[in-house]
Amino acid sequence: MCQGPTLRVVSASPTLAASPTRPPGSTASPFGPFPGLVGRFQVARSSGEIVLRQATPIENGRVFVFQVPQDRLPDGQYRWRMRAENGTAASNWAPWCPFTLNS
């Protein structure tokens, strides 16, 4: 979940990352590992138009990572979100996380 002010990014190839947790009431370790999950990322302009989509396997069973390809996004205001998927099951989308790209 994103907290605080809009993040200002100065890289032309930012890295987006998120860690899954178990749902409330689960008796298993809340921080995994979570083998076999896939993270589905979306990046959108501030207008809401989705400009990038990417699915990535979870790394080490604990973190989803997506590095935006070099020079794929022009400077501007964006937001990103992701969800975890396991076959046909999927979590809810995480809240949008805003960022301003100024590379």
PDB file of N, CA and C in Angstrom:
ATOM      1  N   MET A   1       0.846  -1.162   0.000  1.00  0.00           N
ATOM      2  CA  MET A   1       0.000   0.000   0.000  1.00  0.00           C
ATOM      3  C   MET A   1       0.899   1.235   0.000  1.00  0.00           C
ATOM      4  N   CYS A   2       0.546   2.209  -0.797  1.00  0.00           N
ATOM      5  CA  CYS A   2       1.327   3.436  -0.895  1.00  0.00           C
ATOM      6  C   CYS A   2       0.936   4.388   0.218  1.00  0.00           C
ATOM      7  N   GLN A   3       1.938   5.029   0.772  1.00  0.00           N
ATOM      8  CA  GLN A   3       1.688   6.000   1.826  1.00  0.00           C
ATOM      9  C   GLN A   3       2.578   7.206   1.587  1.00  0.00           C
ATOM     10  N   GLY A   4       2.114   8.357   2.002  1.00  0.00           N
ATOM     11  CA  GLY A   4       2.918   9.558   1.888  1.00  0.00           C
ATOM     12  C   GLY A   4       2.680  10.286   0.582  1.00  0.00           C
ATOM     13  N   PRO A   5       3.530  11.282   0.305  1.00  0.00           N
ATOM     14  CA  PRO A   5       3.350  12.090  -0.903  1.00  0.00           C
ATOM     15  C   PRO A   5       3.697  11.303  -2.166  1.00  0.00           C
ATOM     16  N   THR A   6       3.328  11.862  -3.301  1.00  0.00           N
ATOM     17  CA  THR A   6       3.651  11.260  -4.584  1.00  0.00           C
ATOM     18  C   THR A   6       5.160  11.143  -4.720  1.00  0.00           C
ATOM     19  N   LEU A   7       5.614   9.967  -5.082  1.00  0.00           N
ATOM     20  CA  LEU A   7       7.036   9.707  -5.238  1.00  0.00           C
ATOM     21  C   LEU A   7       7.549  10.391  -6.493  1.00  0.00           C
ATOM     22  N   ARG A   8       8.710  11.001  -6.395  1.00  0.00           N
ATOM     23  CA  ARG A   8       9.337  11.631  -7.558  1.00  0.00           C
ATOM     24  C   ARG A   8      10.459  10.723  -8.035  1.00  0.00           C
ATOM     25  N   VAL A   9      10.406  10.301  -9.293  1.00  0.00           N
ATOM     26  CA  VAL A   9      11.343   9.334  -9.860  1.00  0.00           C
ATOM     27  C   VAL A   9      12.199  10.031 -10.902  1.00  0.00           C
ATOM     28  N   VAL A  10      13.521   9.822 -10.831  1.00  0.00           N
ATOM     29  CA  VAL A  10      14.434  10.469 -11.780  1.00  0.00           C
ATOM     30  C   VAL A  10      15.104   9.469 -12.713  1.00  0.00           C
ATOM     31  N   SER A  11      14.705   8.221 -12.673  1.00  0.00           N
ATOM     32  CA  SER A  11      15.258   7.186 -13.543  1.00  0.00           C
ATOM     33  C   SER A  11      14.366   6.990 -14.758  1.00  0.00           C
ATOM     34  N   ALA A  12      14.973   6.804 -15.933  1.00  0.00           N
ATOM     35  CA  ALA A  12      14.198   6.504 -17.139  1.00  0.00           C
ATOM     36  C   ALA A  12      13.752   5.044 -17.159  1.00  0.00           C
ATOM     37  N   SER A  13      14.186   4.270 -16.152  1.00  0.00           N
ATOM     38  CA  SER A  13      13.832   2.856 -16.056  1.00  0.00           C
ATOM     39  C   SER A  13      13.556   2.493 -14.594  1.00  0.00           C
ATOM     40  N   PRO A  14      12.473   3.038 -14.011  1.00  0.00           N
ATOM     41  CA  PRO A  14      12.211   2.779 -12.593  1.00  0.00           C
ATOM     42  C   PRO A  14      11.870   1.318 -12.324  1.00  0.00           C
ATOM     43  N   THR A  15      12.131   0.871 -11.116  1.00  0.00           N
ATOM     44  CA  THR A  15      11.794  -0.471 -10.673  1.00  0.00           C
ATOM     45  C   THR A  15      10.619  -0.399  -9.712  1.00  0.00           C
ATOM     46  N   LEU A  16       9.586  -1.151  -9.996  1.00  0.00           N
ATOM     47  CA  LEU A  16       8.406  -1.236  -9.147  1.00  0.00           C
ATOM     48  C   LEU A  16       8.474  -2.554  -8.389  1.00  0.00           C
ATOM     49  N   ALA A  17       8.157  -2.541  -7.109  1.00  0.00           N
ATOM     50  CA  ALA A  17       8.246  -3.764  -6.311  1.00  0.00           C
ATOM     51  C   ALA A  17       7.157  -3.785  -5.245  1.00  0.00           C
ATOM     52  N   ALA A  18       6.711  -4.986  -4.909  1.00  0.00           N
ATOM     53  CA  ALA A  18       5.692  -5.171  -3.879  1.00  0.00           C
ATOM     54  C   ALA A  18       5.882  -6.540  -3.244  1.00  0.00           C
ATOM     55  N   SER A  19       5.548  -6.621  -1.959  1.00  0.00           N
ATOM     56  CA  SER A  19       5.634  -7.885  -1.223  1.00  0.00           C
ATOM     57  C   SER A  19       4.233  -8.319  -0.807  1.00  0.00           C
ATOM     58  N   PRO A  20       3.865  -9.551  -1.097  1.00  0.00           N
ATOM     59  CA  PRO A  20       2.542 -10.022  -0.682  1.00  0.00           C
ATOM     60  C   PRO A  20       2.519 -10.350   0.809  1.00  0.00           C
ATOM     61  N   THR A  21       1.340 -10.329   1.381  1.00  0.00           N
ATOM     62  CA  THR A  21       1.126 -10.783   2.758  1.00  0.00           C
ATOM     63  C   THR A  21      -0.113 -11.674   2.759  1.00  0.00           C
ATOM     64  N   ARG A  22      -0.233 -12.461   3.777  1.00  0.00           N
ATOM     65  CA  ARG A  22      -1.398 -13.340   3.887  1.00  0.00           C
ATOM     66  C   ARG A  22      -2.607 -12.543   4.386  1.00  0.00           C
ATOM     67  N   PRO A  23      -3.801 -13.034   4.108  1.00  0.00           N
ATOM     68  CA  PRO A  23      -5.006 -12.326   4.556  1.00  0.00           C
ATOM     69  C   PRO A  23      -5.150 -12.361   6.076  1.00  0.00           C
ATOM     70  N   PRO A  24      -5.875 -11.404   6.650  1.00  0.00           N
ATOM     71  CA  PRO A  24      -6.118 -11.409   8.093  1.00  0.00           C
ATOM     72  C   PRO A  24      -6.746 -12.734   8.530  1.00  0.00           C
ATOM     73  N   GLY A  25      -6.314 -13.214   9.681  1.00  0.00           N
ATOM     74  CA  GLY A  25      -6.854 -14.458  10.219  1.00  0.00           C
ATOM     75  C   GLY A  25      -6.077 -15.695   9.832  1.00  0.00           C
ATOM     76  N   SER A  26      -5.133 -15.565   8.907  1.00  0.00           N
ATOM     77  CA  SER A  26      -4.324 -16.711   8.493  1.00  0.00           C
ATOM     78  C   SER A  26      -3.378 -17.087   9.621  1.00  0.00           C
ATOM     79  N   THR A  27      -3.149 -18.384   9.802  1.00  0.00           N
ATOM     80  CA  THR A  27      -2.244 -18.837  10.861  1.00  0.00           C
ATOM     81  C   THR A  27      -0.821 -19.052  10.341  1.00  0.00           C
ATOM     82  N   ALA A  28      -0.620 -18.947   9.026  1.00  0.00           N
ATOM     83  CA  ALA A  28       0.721 -19.120   8.454  1.00  0.00           C
ATOM     84  C   ALA A  28       1.516 -17.821   8.601  1.00  0.00           C
ATOM     85  N   SER A  29       2.815 -17.914   8.409  1.00  0.00           N
ATOM     86  CA  SER A  29       3.673 -16.730   8.474  1.00  0.00           C
ATOM     87  C   SER A  29       3.142 -15.652   7.531  1.00  0.00           C
ATOM     88  N   PRO A  30       2.960 -14.418   8.003  1.00  0.00           N
ATOM     89  CA  PRO A  30       2.342 -13.387   7.166  1.00  0.00           C
ATOM     90  C   PRO A  30       3.188 -12.949   5.969  1.00  0.00           C
ATOM     91  N   PHE A  31       4.494 -13.214   6.013  1.00  0.00           N
ATOM     92  CA  PHE A  31       5.375 -12.707   4.967  1.00  0.00           C
ATOM     93  C   PHE A  31       5.954 -13.799   4.078  1.00  0.00           C
ATOM     94  N   GLY A  32       5.276 -14.930   3.991  1.00  0.00           N
ATOM     95  CA  GLY A  32       5.665 -15.953   3.030  1.00  0.00           C
ATOM     96  C   GLY A  32       6.699 -16.919   3.557  1.00  0.00           C
ATOM     97  N   PRO A  33       7.303 -17.640   2.636  1.00  0.00           N
ATOM     98  CA  PRO A  33       7.361 -17.407   1.192  1.00  0.00           C
ATOM     99  C   PRO A  33       6.068 -17.809   0.473  1.00  0.00           C
ATOM    100  N   PHE A  34       5.948 -17.335  -0.755  1.00  0.00           N
ATOM    101  CA  PHE A  34       4.774 -17.552  -1.586  1.00  0.00           C
ATOM    102  C   PHE A  34       5.210 -18.113  -2.941  1.00  0.00           C
ATOM    103  N   PRO A  35       5.692 -19.341  -3.002  1.00  0.00           N
ATOM    104  CA  PRO A  35       6.178 -19.874  -4.282  1.00  0.00           C
ATOM    105  C   PRO A  35       5.053 -20.006  -5.311  1.00  0.00           C
ATOM    106  N   GLY A  36       5.408 -19.799  -6.559  1.00  0.00           N
ATOM    107  CA  GLY A  36       4.474 -20.012  -7.651  1.00  0.00           C
ATOM    108  C   GLY A  36       3.568 -18.844  -7.985  1.00  0.00           C
ATOM    109  N   LEU A  37       3.624 -17.761  -7.218  1.00  0.00           N
ATOM    110  CA  LEU A  37       2.771 -16.620  -7.525  1.00  0.00           C
ATOM    111  C   LEU A  37       3.335 -15.800  -8.680  1.00  0.00           C
ATOM    112  N   VAL A  38       2.455 -15.117  -9.361  1.00  0.00           N
ATOM    113  CA  VAL A  38       2.825 -14.183 -10.418  1.00  0.00           C
ATOM    114  C   VAL A  38       2.253 -12.828 -10.027  1.00  0.00           C
ATOM    115  N   GLY A  39       3.036 -11.777 -10.217  1.00  0.00           N
ATOM    116  CA  GLY A  39       2.559 -10.421  -9.970  1.00  0.00           C
ATOM    117  C   GLY A  39       2.162  -9.779 -11.286  1.00  0.00           C
ATOM    118  N   ARG A  40       0.954  -9.262 -11.369  1.00  0.00           N
ATOM    119  CA  ARG A  40       0.487  -8.571 -12.574  1.00  0.00           C
ATOM    120  C   ARG A  40       0.511  -7.074 -12.284  1.00  0.00           C
ATOM    121  N   PHE A  41       1.384  -6.356 -12.995  1.00  0.00           N
ATOM    122  CA  PHE A  41       1.559  -4.916 -12.815  1.00  0.00           C
ATOM    123  C   PHE A  41       0.809  -4.141 -13.894  1.00  0.00           C
ATOM    124  N   GLN A  42       0.301  -2.977 -13.525  1.00  0.00           N
ATOM    125  CA  GLN A  42      -0.269  -2.024 -14.467  1.00  0.00           C
ATOM    126  C   GLN A  42       0.314  -0.647 -14.154  1.00  0.00           C
ATOM    127  N   VAL A  43       0.695   0.091 -15.196  1.00  0.00           N
ATOM    128  CA  VAL A  43       1.142   1.476 -15.065  1.00  0.00           C
ATOM    129  C   VAL A  43       0.198   2.311 -15.920  1.00  0.00           C
ATOM    130  N   ALA A  44      -0.318   3.390 -15.344  1.00  0.00           N
ATOM    131  CA  ALA A  44      -1.277   4.238 -16.049  1.00  0.00           C
ATOM    132  C   ALA A  44      -0.857   5.700 -15.965  1.00  0.00           C
ATOM    133  N   ARG A  45      -1.252   6.456 -16.962  1.00  0.00           N
ATOM    134  CA  ARG A  45      -1.103   7.909 -16.898  1.00  0.00           C
ATOM    135  C   ARG A  45      -2.068   8.425 -15.833  1.00  0.00           C
ATOM    136  N   SER A  46      -1.859   9.659 -15.397  1.00  0.00           N
ATOM    137  CA  SER A  46      -2.757  10.221 -14.383  1.00  0.00           C
ATOM    138  C   SER A  46      -4.191  10.297 -14.890  1.00  0.00           C
ATOM    139  N   SER A  47      -4.382  10.303 -16.226  1.00  0.00           N
ATOM    140  CA  SER A  47      -5.723  10.319 -16.824  1.00  0.00           C
ATOM    141  C   SER A  47      -6.441   8.985 -16.654  1.00  0.00           C
ATOM    142  N   GLY A  48      -5.703   7.933 -16.311  1.00  0.00           N
ATOM    143  CA  GLY A  48      -6.279   6.600 -16.143  1.00  0.00           C
ATOM    144  C   GLY A  48      -5.952   5.643 -17.275  1.00  0.00           C
ATOM    145  N   GLU A  49      -5.400   6.148 -18.377  1.00  0.00           N
ATOM    146  CA  GLU A  49      -5.043   5.298 -19.513  1.00  0.00           C
ATOM    147  C   GLU A  49      -3.889   4.370 -19.129  1.00  0.00           C
ATOM    148  N   ILE A  50      -4.102   3.071 -19.217  1.00  0.00           N
ATOM    149  CA  ILE A  50      -3.051   2.109 -18.887  1.00  0.00           C
ATOM    150  C   ILE A  50      -2.058   2.055 -20.044  1.00  0.00           C
ATOM    151  N   VAL A  51      -0.788   2.299 -19.733  1.00  0.00           N
ATOM    152  CA  VAL A  51       0.245   2.363 -20.770  1.00  0.00           C
ATOM    153  C   VAL A  51       1.223   1.193 -20.713  1.00  0.00           C
ATOM    154  N   LEU A  52       1.284   0.486 -19.610  1.00  0.00           N
ATOM    155  CA  LEU A  52       2.144  -0.700 -19.492  1.00  0.00           C
ATOM    156  C   LEU A  52       1.419  -1.771 -18.696  1.00  0.00           C
ATOM    157  N   ARG A  53       1.603  -3.010 -19.144  1.00  0.00           N
ATOM    158  CA  ARG A  53       1.116  -4.184 -18.413  1.00  0.00           C
ATOM    159  C   ARG A  53       2.250  -5.197 -18.405  1.00  0.00           C
ATOM    160  N   GLN A  54       2.466  -5.844 -17.266  1.00  0.00           N
ATOM    161  CA  GLN A  54       3.536  -6.839 -17.195  1.00  0.00           C
ATOM    162  C   GLN A  54       3.219  -7.847 -16.107  1.00  0.00           C
ATOM    163  N   ALA A  55       3.435  -9.119 -16.392  1.00  0.00           N
ATOM    164  CA  ALA A  55       3.324 -10.172 -15.386  1.00  0.00           C
ATOM    165  C   ALA A  55       4.727 -10.689 -15.103  1.00  0.00           C
ATOM    166  N   THR A  56       5.068 -10.817 -13.826  1.00  0.00           N
ATOM    167  CA  THR A  56       6.395 -11.300 -13.448  1.00  0.00           C
ATOM    168  C   THR A  56       6.261 -12.338 -12.337  1.00  0.00           C
ATOM    169  N   PRO A  57       7.069 -13.396 -12.374  1.00  0.00           N
ATOM    170  CA  PRO A  57       7.042 -14.372 -11.277  1.00  0.00           C
ATOM    171  C   PRO A  57       7.613 -13.750 -10.011  1.00  0.00           C
ATOM    172  N   ILE A  58       7.166 -14.254  -8.888  1.00  0.00           N
ATOM    173  CA  ILE A  58       7.675 -13.745  -7.618  1.00  0.00           C
ATOM    174  C   ILE A  58       9.137 -14.161  -7.464  1.00  0.00           C
ATOM    175  N   GLU A  59       9.971 -13.262  -6.957  1.00  0.00           N
ATOM    176  CA  GLU A  59      11.395 -13.544  -6.769  1.00  0.00           C
ATOM    177  C   GLU A  59      11.636 -14.059  -5.357  1.00  0.00           C
ATOM    178  N   ASN A  60      12.308 -15.190  -5.248  1.00  0.00           N
ATOM    179  CA  ASN A  60      12.625 -15.820  -3.966  1.00  0.00           C
ATOM    180  C   ASN A  60      11.382 -16.078  -3.115  1.00  0.00           C
ATOM    181  N   GLY A  61      10.218 -16.153  -3.758  1.00  0.00           N
ATOM    182  CA  GLY A  61       8.992 -16.424  -3.023  1.00  0.00           C
ATOM    183  C   GLY A  61       8.519 -15.280  -2.154  1.00  0.00           C
ATOM    184  N   ARG A  62       9.122 -14.069  -2.313  1.00  0.00           N
ATOM    185  CA  ARG A  62       8.793 -12.991  -1.384  1.00  0.00           C
ATOM    186  C   ARG A  62       8.518 -11.620  -2.004  1.00  0.00           C
ATOM    187  N   VAL A  63       9.036 -11.335  -3.195  1.00  0.00           N
ATOM    188  CA  VAL A  63       8.904  -9.984  -3.760  1.00  0.00           C
ATOM    189  C   VAL A  63       8.558 -10.050  -5.246  1.00  0.00           C
ATOM    190  N   PHE A  64       7.600  -9.231  -5.650  1.00  0.00           N
ATOM    191  CA  PHE A  64       7.293  -9.037  -7.066  1.00  0.00           C
ATOM    192  C   PHE A  64       8.086  -7.825  -7.543  1.00  0.00           C
ATOM    193  N   VAL A  65       8.759  -7.952  -8.685  1.00  0.00           N
ATOM    194  CA  VAL A  65       9.575  -6.851  -9.204  1.00  0.00           C
ATOM    195  C   VAL A  65       9.308  -6.674 -10.693  1.00  0.00           C
ATOM    196  N   PHE A  66       9.133  -5.423 -11.097  1.00  0.00           N
ATOM    197  CA  PHE A  66       8.992  -5.084 -12.512  1.00  0.00           C
ATOM    198  C   PHE A  66       9.837  -3.849 -12.786  1.00  0.00           C
ATOM    199  N   GLN A  67      10.844  -4.008 -13.639  1.00  0.00           N
ATOM    200  CA  GLN A  67      11.652  -2.855 -14.048  1.00  0.00           C
ATOM    201  C   GLN A  67      11.099  -2.347 -15.366  1.00  0.00           C
ATOM    202  N   VAL A  68      10.647  -1.099 -15.354  1.00  0.00           N
ATOM    203  CA  VAL A  68      10.096  -0.483 -16.559  1.00  0.00           C
ATOM    204  C   VAL A  68      11.210  -0.406 -17.602  1.00  0.00           C
ATOM    205  N   PRO A  69      10.959  -0.841 -18.825  1.00  0.00           N
ATOM    206  CA  PRO A  69      11.992  -0.776 -19.861  1.00  0.00           C
ATOM    207  C   PRO A  69      12.502   0.655 -20.067  1.00  0.00           C
ATOM    208  N   GLN A  70      13.785   0.755 -20.339  1.00  0.00           N
ATOM    209  CA  GLN A  70      14.455   2.047 -20.532  1.00  0.00           C
ATOM    210  C   GLN A  70      13.691   2.925 -21.523  1.00  0.00           C
ATOM    211  N   ASP A  71      13.473   4.171 -21.148  1.00  0.00           N
ATOM    212  CA  ASP A  71      12.842   5.194 -21.997  1.00  0.00           C
ATOM    213  C   ASP A  71      11.457   4.806 -22.502  1.00  0.00           C
ATOM    214  N   ARG A  72      10.767   3.938 -21.794  1.00  0.00           N
ATOM    215  CA  ARG A  72       9.417   3.524 -22.203  1.00  0.00           C
ATOM    216  C   ARG A  72       8.356   4.549 -21.800  1.00  0.00           C
ATOM    217  N   LEU A  73       8.643   5.291 -20.715  1.00  0.00           N
ATOM    218  CA  LEU A  73       7.695   6.293 -20.237  1.00  0.00           C
ATOM    219  C   LEU A  73       8.292   7.690 -20.388  1.00  0.00           C
ATOM    220  N   PRO A  74       7.612   8.592 -21.083  1.00  0.00           N
ATOM    221  CA  PRO A  74       8.085   9.974 -21.111  1.00  0.00           C
ATOM    222  C   PRO A  74       7.833  10.635 -19.754  1.00  0.00           C
ATOM    223  N   ASP A  75       8.520  11.719 -19.482  1.00  0.00           N
ATOM    224  CA  ASP A  75       8.302  12.432 -18.230  1.00  0.00           C
ATOM    225  C   ASP A  75       6.821  12.761 -18.072  1.00  0.00           C
ATOM    226  N   GLY A  76       6.344  12.676 -16.849  1.00  0.00           N
ATOM    227  CA  GLY A  76       4.944  12.980 -16.587  1.00  0.00           C
ATOM    228  C   GLY A  76       4.469  12.335 -15.302  1.00  0.00           C
ATOM    229  N   GLN A  77       3.181  12.398 -15.075  1.00  0.00           N
ATOM    230  CA  GLN A  77       2.570  11.837 -13.872  1.00  0.00           C
ATOM    231  C   GLN A  77       1.939  10.488 -14.199  1.00  0.00           C
ATOM    232  N   TYR A  78       2.225   9.523 -13.332  1.00  0.00           N
ATOM    233  CA  TYR A  78       1.739   8.157 -13.524  1.00  0.00           C
ATOM    234  C   TYR A  78       1.256   7.594 -12.200  1.00  0.00           C
ATOM    235  N   ARG A  79       0.723   6.399 -12.298  1.00  0.00           N
ATOM    236  CA  ARG A  79       0.381   5.616 -11.108  1.00  0.00           C
ATOM    237  C   ARG A  79       0.526   4.152 -11.479  1.00  0.00           C
ATOM    238  N   TRP A  80       0.788   3.309 -10.480  1.00  0.00           N
ATOM    239  CA  TRP A  80       0.932   1.884 -10.737  1.00  0.00           C
ATOM    240  C   TRP A  80       0.223   1.095  -9.643  1.00  0.00           C
ATOM    241  N   ARG A  81      -0.110  -0.136  -9.994  1.00  0.00           N
ATOM    242  CA  ARG A  81      -0.712  -1.061  -9.041  1.00  0.00           C
ATOM    243  C   ARG A  81      -0.371  -2.477  -9.480  1.00  0.00           C
ATOM    244  N   MET A  82      -0.660  -3.430  -8.617  1.00  0.00           N
ATOM    245  CA  MET A  82      -0.413  -4.828  -8.961  1.00  0.00           C
ATOM    246  C   MET A  82      -1.347  -5.711  -8.161  1.00  0.00           C
ATOM    247  N   ARG A  83      -1.406  -6.961  -8.608  1.00  0.00           N
ATOM    248  CA  ARG A  83      -2.132  -7.977  -7.859  1.00  0.00           C
ATOM    249  C   ARG A  83      -1.373  -9.285  -8.000  1.00  0.00           C
ATOM    250  N   ALA A  84      -1.618 -10.187  -7.072  1.00  0.00           N
ATOM    251  CA  ALA A  84      -0.994 -11.511  -7.103  1.00  0.00           C
ATOM    252  C   ALA A  84      -1.946 -12.489  -7.767  1.00  0.00           C
ATOM    253  N   GLU A  85      -1.376 -13.402  -8.565  1.00  0.00           N
ATOM    254  CA  GLU A  85      -2.170 -14.416  -9.248  1.00  0.00           C
ATOM    255  C   GLU A  85      -1.521 -15.780  -9.048  1.00  0.00           C
ATOM    256  N   ASN A  86      -2.373 -16.789  -8.980  1.00  0.00           N
ATOM    257  CA  ASN A  86      -1.909 -18.161  -8.834  1.00  0.00           C
ATOM    258  C   ASN A  86      -2.844 -19.035  -9.659  1.00  0.00           C
ATOM    259  N   GLY A  87      -2.480 -19.242 -10.922  1.00  0.00           N
ATOM    260  CA  GLY A  87      -3.369 -19.992 -11.811  1.00  0.00           C
ATOM    261  C   GLY A  87      -4.591 -19.158 -12.134  1.00  0.00           C
ATOM    262  N   THR A  88      -5.778 -19.655 -11.760  1.00  0.00           N
ATOM    263  CA  THR A  88      -7.014 -18.919 -12.038  1.00  0.00           C
ATOM    264  C   THR A  88      -7.444 -18.024 -10.880  1.00  0.00           C
ATOM    265  N   ALA A  89      -6.786 -18.133  -9.738  1.00  0.00           N
ATOM    266  CA  ALA A  89      -7.115 -17.301  -8.580  1.00  0.00           C
ATOM    267  C   ALA A  89      -6.288 -16.012  -8.610  1.00  0.00           C
ATOM    268  N   ALA A  90      -6.886 -14.924  -8.145  1.00  0.00           N
ATOM    269  CA  ALA A  90      -6.182 -13.640  -8.112  1.00  0.00           C
ATOM    270  C   ALA A  90      -6.625 -12.837  -6.901  1.00  0.00           C
ATOM    271  N   SER A  91      -5.704 -12.073  -6.364  1.00  0.00           N
ATOM    272  CA  SER A  91      -6.033 -11.158  -5.272  1.00  0.00           C
ATOM    273  C   SER A  91      -6.753  -9.935  -5.844  1.00  0.00           C
ATOM    274  N   ASN A  92      -7.239  -9.105  -4.972  1.00  0.00           N
ATOM    275  CA  ASN A  92      -7.750  -7.809  -5.402  1.00  0.00           C
ATOM    276  C   ASN A  92      -6.569  -6.957  -5.865  1.00  0.00           C
ATOM    277  N   TRP A  93      -6.837  -5.977  -6.702  1.00  0.00           N
ATOM    278  CA  TRP A  93      -5.793  -5.031  -7.073  1.00  0.00           C
ATOM    279  C   TRP A  93      -5.405  -4.214  -5.849  1.00  0.00           C
ATOM    280  N   ALA A  94      -4.118  -3.982  -5.683  1.00  0.00           N
ATOM    281  CA  ALA A  94      -3.643  -3.075  -4.629  1.00  0.00           C
ATOM    282  C   ALA A  94      -4.056  -1.654  -5.008  1.00  0.00           C
ATOM    283  N   PRO A  95      -4.113  -0.743  -4.052  1.00  0.00           N
ATOM    284  CA  PRO A  95      -4.434   0.642  -4.395  1.00  0.00           C
ATOM    285  C   PRO A  95      -3.386   1.231  -5.354  1.00  0.00           C
ATOM    286  N   TRP A  96      -3.806   2.185  -6.154  1.00  0.00           N
ATOM    287  CA  TRP A  96      -2.887   2.863  -7.066  1.00  0.00           C
ATOM    288  C   TRP A  96      -1.829   3.618  -6.273  1.00  0.00           C
ATOM    289  N   CYS A  97      -0.589   3.593  -6.765  1.00  0.00           N
ATOM    290  CA  CYS A  97       0.528   4.313  -6.169  1.00  0.00           C
ATOM    291  C   CYS A  97       1.000   5.378  -7.166  1.00  0.00           C
ATOM    292  N   PRO A  98       0.809   6.657  -6.854  1.00  0.00           N
ATOM    293  CA  PRO A  98       1.191   7.692  -7.812  1.00  0.00           C
ATOM    294  C   PRO A  98       2.698   7.965  -7.801  1.00  0.00           C
ATOM    295  N   PHE A  99       3.215   8.343  -8.963  1.00  0.00           N
ATOM    296  CA  PHE A  99       4.601   8.806  -9.039  1.00  0.00           C
ATOM    297  C   PHE A  99       4.740   9.784 -10.199  1.00  0.00           C
ATOM    298  N   THR A 100       5.714  10.667 -10.074  1.00  0.00           N
ATOM    299  CA  THR A 100       6.025  11.627 -11.129  1.00  0.00           C
ATOM    300  C   THR A 100       7.383  11.268 -11.684  1.00  0.00           C
ATOM    301  N   LEU A 101       7.455  11.070 -12.981  1.00  0.00           N
ATOM    302  CA  LEU A 101       8.721  10.719 -13.650  1.00  0.00           C
ATOM    303  C   LEU A 101       9.338  11.989 -14.216  1.00  0.00           C
ATOM    304  N   ASN A 102      10.569  12.237 -13.833  1.00  0.00           N
ATOM    305  CA  ASN A 102      11.316  13.394 -14.308  1.00  0.00           C
ATOM    306  C   ASN A 102      12.750  12.939 -14.514  1.00  0.00           C
ATOM    307  N   SER A 103      12.993  12.208 -15.617  1.00  0.00           N
ATOM    308  CA  SER A 103      14.312  11.594 -15.825  1.00  0.00           C
ATOM    309  C   SER A 103      15.305  12.550 -16.447  1.00  0.00           C
TER     310      SER A 103
END
